[in-house]
Protein backbone atom coordinates (compact mmCIF):
# COMPACT_ATOMS: atom_id res chain seq x y z
CA MET A 1 103.52 112.49 146.10
CA ARG A 2 103.90 114.50 142.91
CA THR A 3 100.66 115.62 141.29
CA ILE A 4 100.03 115.73 137.55
CA LEU A 5 96.97 117.81 136.67
CA ILE A 6 95.23 116.83 133.44
CA ILE A 7 92.64 119.36 132.27
CA GLY A 8 90.23 117.74 129.83
CA ALA A 9 89.11 114.10 129.62
CA GLY A 10 88.08 113.85 125.98
CA ARG A 11 88.68 110.98 123.59
CA SER A 12 92.38 111.75 123.21
CA ALA A 13 93.02 111.50 126.96
CA SER A 14 92.44 107.76 127.45
CA SER A 15 95.93 106.43 126.66
CA LEU A 16 97.53 109.46 128.30
CA ILE A 17 95.76 108.82 131.61
CA LYS A 18 96.31 105.06 131.51
CA TYR A 19 100.05 105.50 130.88
CA LEU A 20 100.48 107.86 133.83
CA LEU A 21 98.35 105.71 136.16
CA ASP A 22 100.38 102.64 135.18
CA LYS A 23 103.55 104.56 136.10
CA SER A 24 102.11 106.18 139.22
CA ASN A 25 103.45 103.78 141.86
CA GLU A 26 107.02 103.64 140.60
CA GLU A 27 107.08 107.37 139.87
CA ASN A 28 105.27 108.45 143.06
CA LEU A 29 102.44 110.17 141.19
CA LYS A 30 98.91 111.33 141.82
CA ILE A 31 96.90 111.89 138.66
CA HIS A 32 94.18 114.54 138.99
CA VAL A 33 91.78 114.72 136.03
CA GLY A 34 89.51 117.75 135.80
CA ASP A 35 86.69 117.97 133.27
CA ILE A 36 83.33 119.65 132.94
CA ASN A 37 81.91 116.12 132.55
CA LEU A 38 82.70 114.20 135.75
CA GLU A 39 81.62 110.86 134.28
CA ASN A 40 84.18 111.13 131.48
CA ALA A 41 86.96 111.73 133.97
CA LYS A 42 85.80 108.92 136.30
CA LYS A 43 85.60 106.44 133.43
CA LEU A 44 89.20 107.07 132.42
CA ILE A 45 90.48 106.97 136.03
CA ASN A 46 88.70 103.59 136.37
CA ASN A 47 88.84 103.57 140.20
CA HIS A 48 92.64 103.61 140.25
CA PRO A 49 93.86 104.44 143.78
CA ASN A 50 96.32 107.04 142.47
CA GLY A 51 93.75 108.82 140.34
CA GLU A 52 91.21 111.46 141.23
CA ALA A 53 88.45 112.81 139.01
CA PHE A 54 86.80 116.14 139.71
CA ILE A 55 84.57 118.68 137.99
CA LEU A 56 86.54 121.58 136.55
CA ASP A 57 85.04 124.43 134.58
CA ILE A 58 88.02 126.22 133.08
CA PHE A 59 86.04 129.46 133.02
CA ASP A 60 85.83 129.27 136.82
CA GLU A 61 89.01 131.23 137.50
CA SER A 62 89.17 130.42 141.20
CA ALA A 63 88.74 126.66 140.72
CA ARG A 64 91.18 126.60 137.79
CA GLN A 65 93.87 128.49 139.68
CA LYS A 66 93.45 126.35 142.77
CA ALA A 67 93.91 123.14 140.75
CA ILE A 68 96.98 124.51 138.94
CA LYS A 69 98.55 125.87 142.13
CA ASN A 70 98.31 122.44 143.78
CA ALA A 71 99.86 120.58 140.82
CA SER A 72 103.51 119.68 140.16
CA ILE A 73 102.97 119.97 136.39
CA VAL A 74 99.96 120.66 134.16
CA ILE A 75 98.68 118.96 130.99
CA SER A 76 96.03 120.82 129.01
CA MET A 77 93.97 118.58 126.70
CA LEU A 78 91.50 121.38 126.06
CA PRO A 79 90.76 122.79 122.60
CA ALA A 80 93.64 125.06 121.59
CA ARG A 81 91.65 128.28 122.05
CA PHE A 82 91.37 127.59 125.81
CA HIS A 83 95.08 127.05 126.56
CA LEU A 84 96.02 130.66 127.13
CA ASN A 85 94.36 131.20 130.52
CA VAL A 86 95.79 127.89 131.73
CA ALA A 87 99.23 128.94 130.47
CA LYS A 88 99.07 132.32 132.22
CA ASP A 89 98.16 130.60 135.50
CA CYS A 90 101.06 128.18 135.01
CA VAL A 91 103.42 131.14 134.67
CA ALA A 92 101.93 132.81 137.74
CA PHE A 93 102.32 129.68 139.88
CA SER A 94 105.61 128.49 138.28
CA LYS A 95 104.27 125.26 136.79
CA SER A 96 105.48 123.65 133.57
CA LEU A 97 102.84 122.95 130.94
CA VAL A 98 102.32 120.33 128.22
CA THR A 99 99.82 120.49 125.34
CA ALA A 100 99.31 118.69 122.03
CA SER A 101 98.23 121.88 120.25
CA TYR A 102 99.99 124.21 117.83
CA ILE A 103 101.79 127.12 119.48
CA SER A 104 99.67 130.24 119.15
CA ASP A 105 101.16 133.73 118.90
CA GLU A 106 99.61 134.54 122.29
CA LEU A 107 101.28 131.52 123.88
CA MET A 108 104.61 132.32 122.23
CA ALA A 109 104.41 135.80 123.74
CA LEU A 110 104.88 134.17 127.16
CA ASP A 111 108.27 132.73 126.17
CA GLU A 112 110.46 135.25 128.01
CA GLU A 113 108.49 134.86 131.26
CA VAL A 114 108.56 131.08 130.94
CA LYS A 115 112.33 131.08 130.42
CA ALA A 116 112.88 133.54 133.27
CA LYS A 117 111.14 131.12 135.64
CA GLY A 118 112.97 128.07 134.24
CA LEU A 119 109.73 126.44 133.09
CA VAL A 120 109.15 124.11 130.15
CA PHE A 121 106.03 124.78 128.07
CA MET A 122 106.05 121.85 125.66
CA ASN A 123 103.51 122.07 122.83
CA GLU A 124 102.81 120.21 119.58
CA ILE A 125 103.66 116.91 121.26
CA GLY A 126 100.74 114.78 120.06
CA LEU A 127 100.48 113.00 116.71
CA ASP A 128 100.32 115.72 114.07
CA PRO A 129 101.72 117.98 115.37
CA GLY A 130 104.01 115.87 117.54
CA ILE A 131 105.20 112.48 116.36
CA ASP A 132 105.55 114.01 112.89
CA HIS A 133 107.99 116.63 114.26
CA MET A 134 110.01 114.14 116.27
CA SER A 135 110.28 111.38 113.68
CA ALA A 136 111.15 113.87 110.94
CA MET A 137 113.79 115.71 112.98
CA GLN A 138 115.42 112.45 114.05
CA VAL A 139 116.11 111.53 110.42
CA ILE A 140 116.90 115.12 109.34
CA ASP A 141 119.46 115.49 112.14
CA ARG A 142 120.97 112.11 111.28
CA ILE A 143 121.35 113.11 107.62
CA ARG A 144 122.87 116.46 108.58
CA ASP A 145 125.28 114.84 111.04
CA ARG A 146 126.71 112.88 108.08
CA GLY A 147 127.43 116.15 106.32
CA ALA A 148 124.67 115.66 103.74
CA GLU A 149 122.42 118.31 102.21
CA LEU A 150 118.62 117.93 102.38
CA ILE A 151 117.01 118.47 98.97
CA LEU A 152 113.53 117.03 99.54
CA PHE A 153 111.21 116.56 102.50
CA GLU A 154 107.66 115.26 102.20
CA SER A 155 105.48 114.30 105.16
CA PHE A 156 101.99 112.79 105.26
CA THR A 157 99.63 111.76 108.07
CA GLY A 158 96.14 110.27 108.06
CA GLY A 159 93.58 109.17 110.62
CA LEU A 160 91.69 106.35 108.92
CA VAL A 161 89.55 103.31 109.61
CA ALA A 162 91.46 100.05 110.15
CA PRO A 163 91.28 97.48 107.31
CA GLU A 164 89.18 95.07 109.38
CA SER A 165 86.59 97.82 109.98
CA ASP A 166 86.63 99.24 106.44
CA ASP A 167 83.09 98.44 105.28
CA ASN A 168 81.96 101.42 103.17
CA LEU A 169 82.71 102.57 99.63
CA TRP A 170 84.54 105.69 100.83
CA HIS A 171 86.96 103.57 102.91
CA TYR A 172 86.65 106.25 105.57
CA LYS A 173 85.05 106.89 108.95
CA PHE A 174 85.40 109.72 111.46
CA THR A 175 88.26 108.90 113.81
CA TRP A 176 88.58 112.45 115.13
CA ASN A 177 86.68 115.74 115.03
CA PRO A 178 84.15 115.45 112.15
CA ARG A 179 83.96 119.20 111.70
CA ASN A 180 87.68 119.38 110.89
CA VAL A 181 87.15 116.81 108.14
CA VAL A 182 84.25 118.69 106.57
CA VAL A 183 85.99 122.09 106.46
CA ALA A 184 89.50 120.75 105.72
CA GLY A 185 91.48 122.86 103.29
CA GLN A 186 89.37 126.01 103.54
CA GLY A 187 90.68 129.44 104.46
CA GLY A 188 93.34 129.90 101.79
CA ALA A 189 95.34 128.06 99.18
CA ALA A 190 97.61 125.13 100.00
CA LYS A 191 101.23 126.30 99.69
CA PHE A 192 104.40 124.27 99.10
CA ILE A 193 107.66 124.37 97.16
CA GLN A 194 108.63 121.97 94.37
CA GLU A 195 112.11 121.95 92.81
CA GLY A 196 112.59 125.56 93.89
CA GLN A 197 109.25 126.74 92.53
CA TYR A 198 106.45 127.95 94.81
CA LYS A 199 103.17 126.14 94.19
CA TYR A 200 99.63 127.04 95.27
CA ILE A 201 96.49 124.93 95.15
CA PRO A 202 93.22 126.85 95.69
CA TYR A 203 90.48 125.14 97.66
CA HIS A 204 88.30 124.43 94.64
CA ARG A 205 91.14 122.34 93.11
CA LEU A 206 92.60 120.84 96.28
CA PHE A 207 90.85 117.48 96.09
CA ARG A 208 91.81 116.94 92.46
CA ARG A 209 95.57 117.41 93.01
CA THR A 210 96.67 114.28 94.85
CA GLU A 211 99.61 111.87 94.81
CA PHE A 212 99.79 108.16 95.55
CA LEU A 213 101.61 106.40 98.38
CA GLU A 214 102.20 102.68 98.95
CA VAL A 215 102.55 101.15 102.42
CA GLU A 216 103.58 97.51 102.49
CA GLY A 217 100.86 95.32 103.96
CA TYR A 218 98.25 98.09 103.81
CA GLY A 219 98.02 98.90 100.12
CA LYS A 220 97.72 102.17 98.26
CA PHE A 221 96.79 105.58 99.66
CA GLU A 222 96.43 109.09 98.27
CA ALA A 223 97.64 112.36 99.77
CA LEU A 224 96.35 115.90 99.34
CA ALA A 225 98.26 119.04 100.26
CA ASN A 226 98.02 120.63 103.69
CA ARG A 227 97.28 124.33 103.90
CA ASP A 228 100.78 125.73 104.54
CA SER A 229 103.84 123.53 104.12
CA LEU A 230 106.21 126.50 103.81
CA LYS A 231 106.20 127.35 107.54
CA TYR A 232 108.05 124.09 108.24
CA ARG A 233 111.17 125.31 106.45
CA SER A 234 112.18 127.52 109.37
CA ILE A 235 110.86 125.11 112.02
CA TYR A 236 113.02 122.26 110.71
CA GLY A 237 115.94 124.44 109.61
CA LEU A 238 115.26 123.72 105.93
CA ASP A 239 115.08 127.31 104.66
CA ASN A 240 116.94 126.53 101.44
CA ILE A 241 115.40 123.14 100.64
CA PRO A 242 114.08 123.05 97.04
CA THR A 243 111.17 120.67 97.72
CA LEU A 244 108.98 120.62 100.82
CA TYR A 245 105.43 119.28 100.88
CA ARG A 246 103.12 118.13 103.67
CA GLY A 247 99.81 116.39 103.15
CA THR A 248 96.87 114.43 104.53
CA ILE A 249 96.41 110.72 103.77
CA ARG A 250 93.18 109.13 102.55
CA ARG A 251 92.37 105.91 100.72
CA VAL A 252 92.50 106.14 96.93
CA GLY A 253 89.28 107.55 95.47
CA TYR A 254 88.18 109.51 98.53
CA SER A 255 89.33 112.90 97.24
CA ARG A 256 87.71 112.62 93.82
CA ALA A 257 84.39 111.80 95.46
CA TRP A 258 84.75 114.51 98.16
CA ASN A 259 85.36 117.03 95.40
CA ILE A 260 81.69 116.61 94.43
CA PHE A 261 80.71 118.17 97.77
CA VAL A 262 83.22 120.99 97.27
CA GLN A 263 81.92 121.79 93.78
CA LEU A 264 78.31 121.56 94.95
CA GLY A 265 79.06 124.07 97.73
CA VAL A 266 77.90 121.97 100.67
CA THR A 267 81.21 122.26 102.57
CA ASP A 268 80.74 126.03 102.93
CA ASP A 269 80.67 127.18 106.56
CA SER A 270 80.35 130.92 105.95
CA TYR A 271 76.55 131.42 105.97
CA ILE A 272 73.39 130.10 107.61
CA MET A 273 70.71 128.37 105.58
CA GLU A 274 66.98 128.86 106.08
CA ASN A 275 64.66 126.19 107.55
CA THR A 276 67.37 123.61 108.21
CA GLU A 277 65.52 122.41 111.28
CA THR A 278 62.74 120.90 109.13
CA MET A 279 64.72 120.34 105.93
CA SER A 280 65.11 116.79 104.58
CA TYR A 281 68.43 115.44 103.33
CA ARG A 282 66.97 115.44 99.80
CA SER A 283 65.85 119.07 100.07
CA PHE A 284 69.28 120.04 101.34
CA ILE A 285 70.99 118.66 98.24
CA ASN A 286 68.30 120.12 96.00
CA SER A 287 68.94 123.57 97.48
CA PHE A 288 72.23 123.73 95.58
CA LEU A 289 70.87 122.54 92.23
CA PRO A 290 69.09 124.41 89.42
CA TYR A 291 65.31 124.44 89.43
CA SER A 292 63.52 122.00 87.13
CA PRO A 293 59.79 121.21 87.10
CA THR A 294 60.46 117.71 85.73
CA ASP A 295 63.97 116.43 86.51
CA SER A 296 64.63 114.52 89.73
CA VAL A 297 67.23 115.66 92.26
CA GLU A 298 69.38 112.68 91.28
CA LEU A 299 69.27 113.53 87.59
CA LYS A 300 69.98 117.22 88.21
CA LEU A 301 73.01 116.39 90.35
CA ARG A 302 74.43 113.97 87.78
CA HIS A 303 73.98 116.50 84.97
CA TYR A 304 75.22 119.46 87.00
CA LEU A 305 78.46 117.78 88.07
CA ARG A 306 78.79 115.40 85.11
CA ILE A 307 78.65 112.16 87.06
CA GLU A 308 77.98 109.08 84.98
CA GLN A 309 75.48 106.63 86.42
CA ASP A 310 78.06 103.81 86.38
CA ASP A 311 80.75 105.93 88.07
CA ILE A 312 81.77 104.61 91.53
CA ILE A 313 81.31 108.18 92.79
CA TRP A 314 77.59 107.84 92.19
CA ASP A 315 77.49 104.68 94.30
CA LYS A 316 79.36 106.50 97.05
CA LEU A 317 76.80 109.30 97.08
CA LEU A 318 73.91 106.84 97.15
CA GLU A 319 75.53 105.00 100.05
CA LEU A 320 75.34 108.20 102.15
CA ASP A 321 71.55 108.32 101.69
CA ILE A 322 71.71 112.00 100.74
CA PHE A 323 68.58 111.77 98.60
CA ASN A 324 66.34 110.45 101.37
CA PRO A 325 63.18 112.64 101.64
CA ASN A 326 62.27 111.20 105.05
CA LYS A 327 65.49 111.95 106.95
CA ILE A 328 65.33 115.38 108.58
CA VAL A 329 68.39 117.55 109.24
CA GLY A 330 66.98 118.77 112.58
CA LEU A 331 69.60 121.50 113.08
CA LYS A 332 68.47 125.07 113.67
CA ASP A 333 70.22 127.88 111.78
CA ALA A 334 72.85 125.57 110.34
CA THR A 335 75.53 126.26 107.75
CA PRO A 336 75.88 123.93 104.75
CA ALA A 337 78.99 122.39 106.33
CA GLN A 338 77.10 121.67 109.55
CA VAL A 339 74.29 119.95 107.65
CA LEU A 340 76.78 117.88 105.65
CA GLN A 341 78.51 116.87 108.88
CA LYS A 342 75.19 115.69 110.32
CA ILE A 343 74.50 113.59 107.20
CA LEU A 344 77.98 112.05 107.22
CA MET A 345 77.86 111.23 110.92
CA ASP A 346 74.91 108.95 110.17
CA LYS A 347 77.20 106.78 108.07
CA TRP A 348 80.77 107.45 109.14
CA THR A 349 80.59 107.20 112.93
CA LEU A 350 82.76 104.36 114.24
CA GLN A 351 80.72 101.47 115.57
CA GLU A 352 81.45 99.84 118.93
CA THR A 353 83.54 97.05 117.40
CA ASP A 354 85.35 99.27 114.86
CA LYS A 355 89.05 100.08 115.07
CA ASP A 356 90.88 103.09 113.70
CA MET A 357 94.28 103.37 112.04
CA ILE A 358 97.00 106.02 111.88
CA VAL A 359 99.36 106.14 108.90
CA MET A 360 102.41 108.42 108.74
CA TYR A 361 104.84 108.56 105.82
CA HIS A 362 108.00 110.68 105.46
CA LYS A 363 110.29 111.03 102.44
CA PHE A 364 113.78 112.52 102.77
CA GLY A 365 115.91 113.29 99.72
CA TYR A 366 119.54 114.25 100.29
CA LYS A 367 122.85 114.76 98.53
CA ILE A 368 126.15 113.39 99.85
CA ASP A 369 129.52 112.91 98.17
CA GLY A 370 128.01 114.02 94.88
CA GLU A 371 125.27 111.37 94.97
CA LYS A 372 121.54 111.75 95.59
CA ARG A 373 119.78 109.31 97.90
CA GLN A 374 116.40 108.91 99.57
CA ILE A 375 115.03 107.55 102.86
CA ASP A 376 111.35 106.59 103.20
CA SER A 377 110.03 106.22 106.76
CA LYS A 378 106.59 104.74 107.45
CA MET A 379 104.50 104.14 110.56
CA VAL A 380 101.14 102.36 110.99
CA VAL A 381 99.25 102.04 114.29
CA ILE A 382 95.95 100.17 114.74
CA GLY A 383 93.65 101.03 117.66
CA ASP A 384 92.75 98.50 120.35
CA ASP A 385 89.09 99.48 120.72
CA GLN A 386 86.85 102.53 120.95
CA THR A 387 88.48 103.76 124.17
CA TYR A 388 92.13 103.12 123.40
CA THR A 389 92.07 104.15 119.77
CA ALA A 390 95.11 104.58 117.55
CA MET A 391 94.40 108.32 117.61
CA ALA A 392 94.27 108.41 121.43
CA LYS A 393 97.45 106.36 121.63
CA THR A 394 99.47 108.47 119.19
CA VAL A 395 98.22 111.77 120.63
CA GLY A 396 98.24 110.85 124.33
CA LEU A 397 101.38 108.77 124.79
CA PRO A 398 103.87 111.44 123.61
CA VAL A 399 102.11 113.98 125.86
CA ALA A 400 102.40 111.63 128.84
CA MET A 401 106.03 110.75 128.17
CA ALA A 402 107.07 114.38 127.74
CA THR A 403 105.30 115.29 130.98
CA LEU A 404 107.16 112.63 132.94
CA HIS A 405 110.51 113.59 131.38
CA ILE A 406 109.95 117.25 132.30
CA LEU A 407 108.91 116.30 135.83
CA ASN A 408 112.02 114.12 136.18
CA LYS A 409 114.30 116.90 134.81
CA LYS A 410 115.28 114.86 131.75
CA ILE A 411 113.88 117.62 129.56
CA LYS A 412 115.35 120.78 131.05
CA THR A 413 115.64 123.42 128.32
CA PRO A 414 113.17 126.15 129.35
CA GLY A 415 110.79 128.10 127.16
CA VAL A 416 107.69 127.81 124.96
CA GLN A 417 108.72 125.11 122.50
CA LEU A 418 107.91 122.18 120.25
CA PRO A 419 109.65 118.76 120.28
CA ILE A 420 112.39 119.20 117.67
CA SER A 421 115.51 118.84 119.84
CA LYS A 422 117.37 115.59 120.48
CA GLU A 423 116.84 116.09 124.21
CA VAL A 424 113.11 115.67 123.60
CA TYR A 425 112.64 113.36 120.64
CA THR A 426 115.32 110.73 121.29
CA PRO A 427 113.92 109.22 124.54
CA ILE A 428 110.27 109.66 123.52
CA LEU A 429 110.59 107.97 120.12
CA LYS A 430 112.54 105.13 121.72
CA GLU A 431 109.86 104.56 124.37
CA LEU A 432 107.02 104.85 121.85
CA GLU A 433 108.41 101.74 120.14
CA ASP A 434 107.47 99.75 123.27
CA TYR A 435 103.86 100.76 122.59
CA GLY A 436 103.83 99.76 118.93
CA VAL A 437 104.59 103.19 117.47
CA VAL A 438 107.44 102.10 115.21
CA PHE A 439 108.87 103.68 112.06
CA LYS A 440 110.24 101.38 109.37
CA GLU A 441 112.91 102.96 107.21
CA GLU A 442 113.97 102.10 103.68
CA THR A 443 116.93 103.59 101.79
CA LEU A 444 116.27 104.04 98.08
CA PRO A 445 117.81 105.58 95.00
CA TYR A 446 116.71 109.20 94.83
CA LEU A 447 113.29 109.30 93.17
CA GLY A 448 112.88 113.06 93.27
CA TYR A 449 109.64 114.94 93.08
CA ASN A 450 108.09 112.94 90.27
CA HIS A 451 104.41 113.57 91.06
CA LEU A 452 103.57 115.24 87.76
CA ASN A 453 99.94 115.77 88.69
CA LEU A 454 101.01 118.32 91.30
């Protein structure tokens, strides 16, 4: 039997493992799942006869190399910073590799060796990056094949709470890594190009520069700019496109409220605060406000950031219980961002019966025969439950499908790569439709980049 080694059994691995186990008899597969937490791996294998769970510490070089050497192909679901050692072992033992992570410079440096051995190292094959690449390139290639010129490309993705589980004023819950949500947008200005002009949004203005999107059946959303949209010009072959913008989707009103935290300074992750272990939530907020012998923390915050008492933002802040003097942070040597994450996890953690939702929205503007036209492409996926979430489905299924196609020699082009070729995206997007990952397209008159607030 052929052995697929999956390293890492986190939340994103559930749909990946189930897909491969479901295919294991017809495809003659053994699925080996290695994780530092044996119970996680066992739970996802669920006693399937073609699955095997085992403890794997990726820092144990001997155990890691033994597992990779005995595999037919390797999937790494580890955090991106841990892929490199796995990748080097895959080169050494001539094994193809699949990850959902962005290609690092260190990984790209292995490209010549990977090609020389005829291996496929497929990366960025999850949701974002992943489905975004494939669904965008499918339409871009189709437009180009008609002899048209791309003049606008916008792409947005959001991990959100499903409408039936949306029960807070922020219309948001953590569906993925909470830390990434808290520090989103930091580390440099957002960069994009609009009608041939380069645009930059610094972090302190990021959450006040949004645009609106409408998805039929799901209502209105807002989008804020991702950090660097410009790098996608070369990736997608759009070096001369006058407008290119990528963003993150939230429900309307989220960004204006989140901006309060940015302006207050509590999203900062660059320094450690004193006495956070015994600090109350109320004291934490007060730490960032001017001293007053008479004014309450609430009053100081409203005055400091000019929040009216009848503003919905105030209700959103109250809902998070940030002024509670009896709730203790309980984190030692924490940064402001870490404390804020702890506070938010009290309120924004998905409950057992909650479902998540993924929304993806692309806009393509093009010119053909002297006319300008536009295609809008939208995708919505709702999770099944807390194991088979929409996030796990949209991250894990493309990884699983790519792995099987590489194993079956349907994807043959060697090298360190991402899924932007027809060889990769055509069969995967088609199969994803069987699992409810469907893009609905609409052809419109060209609307252009009419988001004046950007």
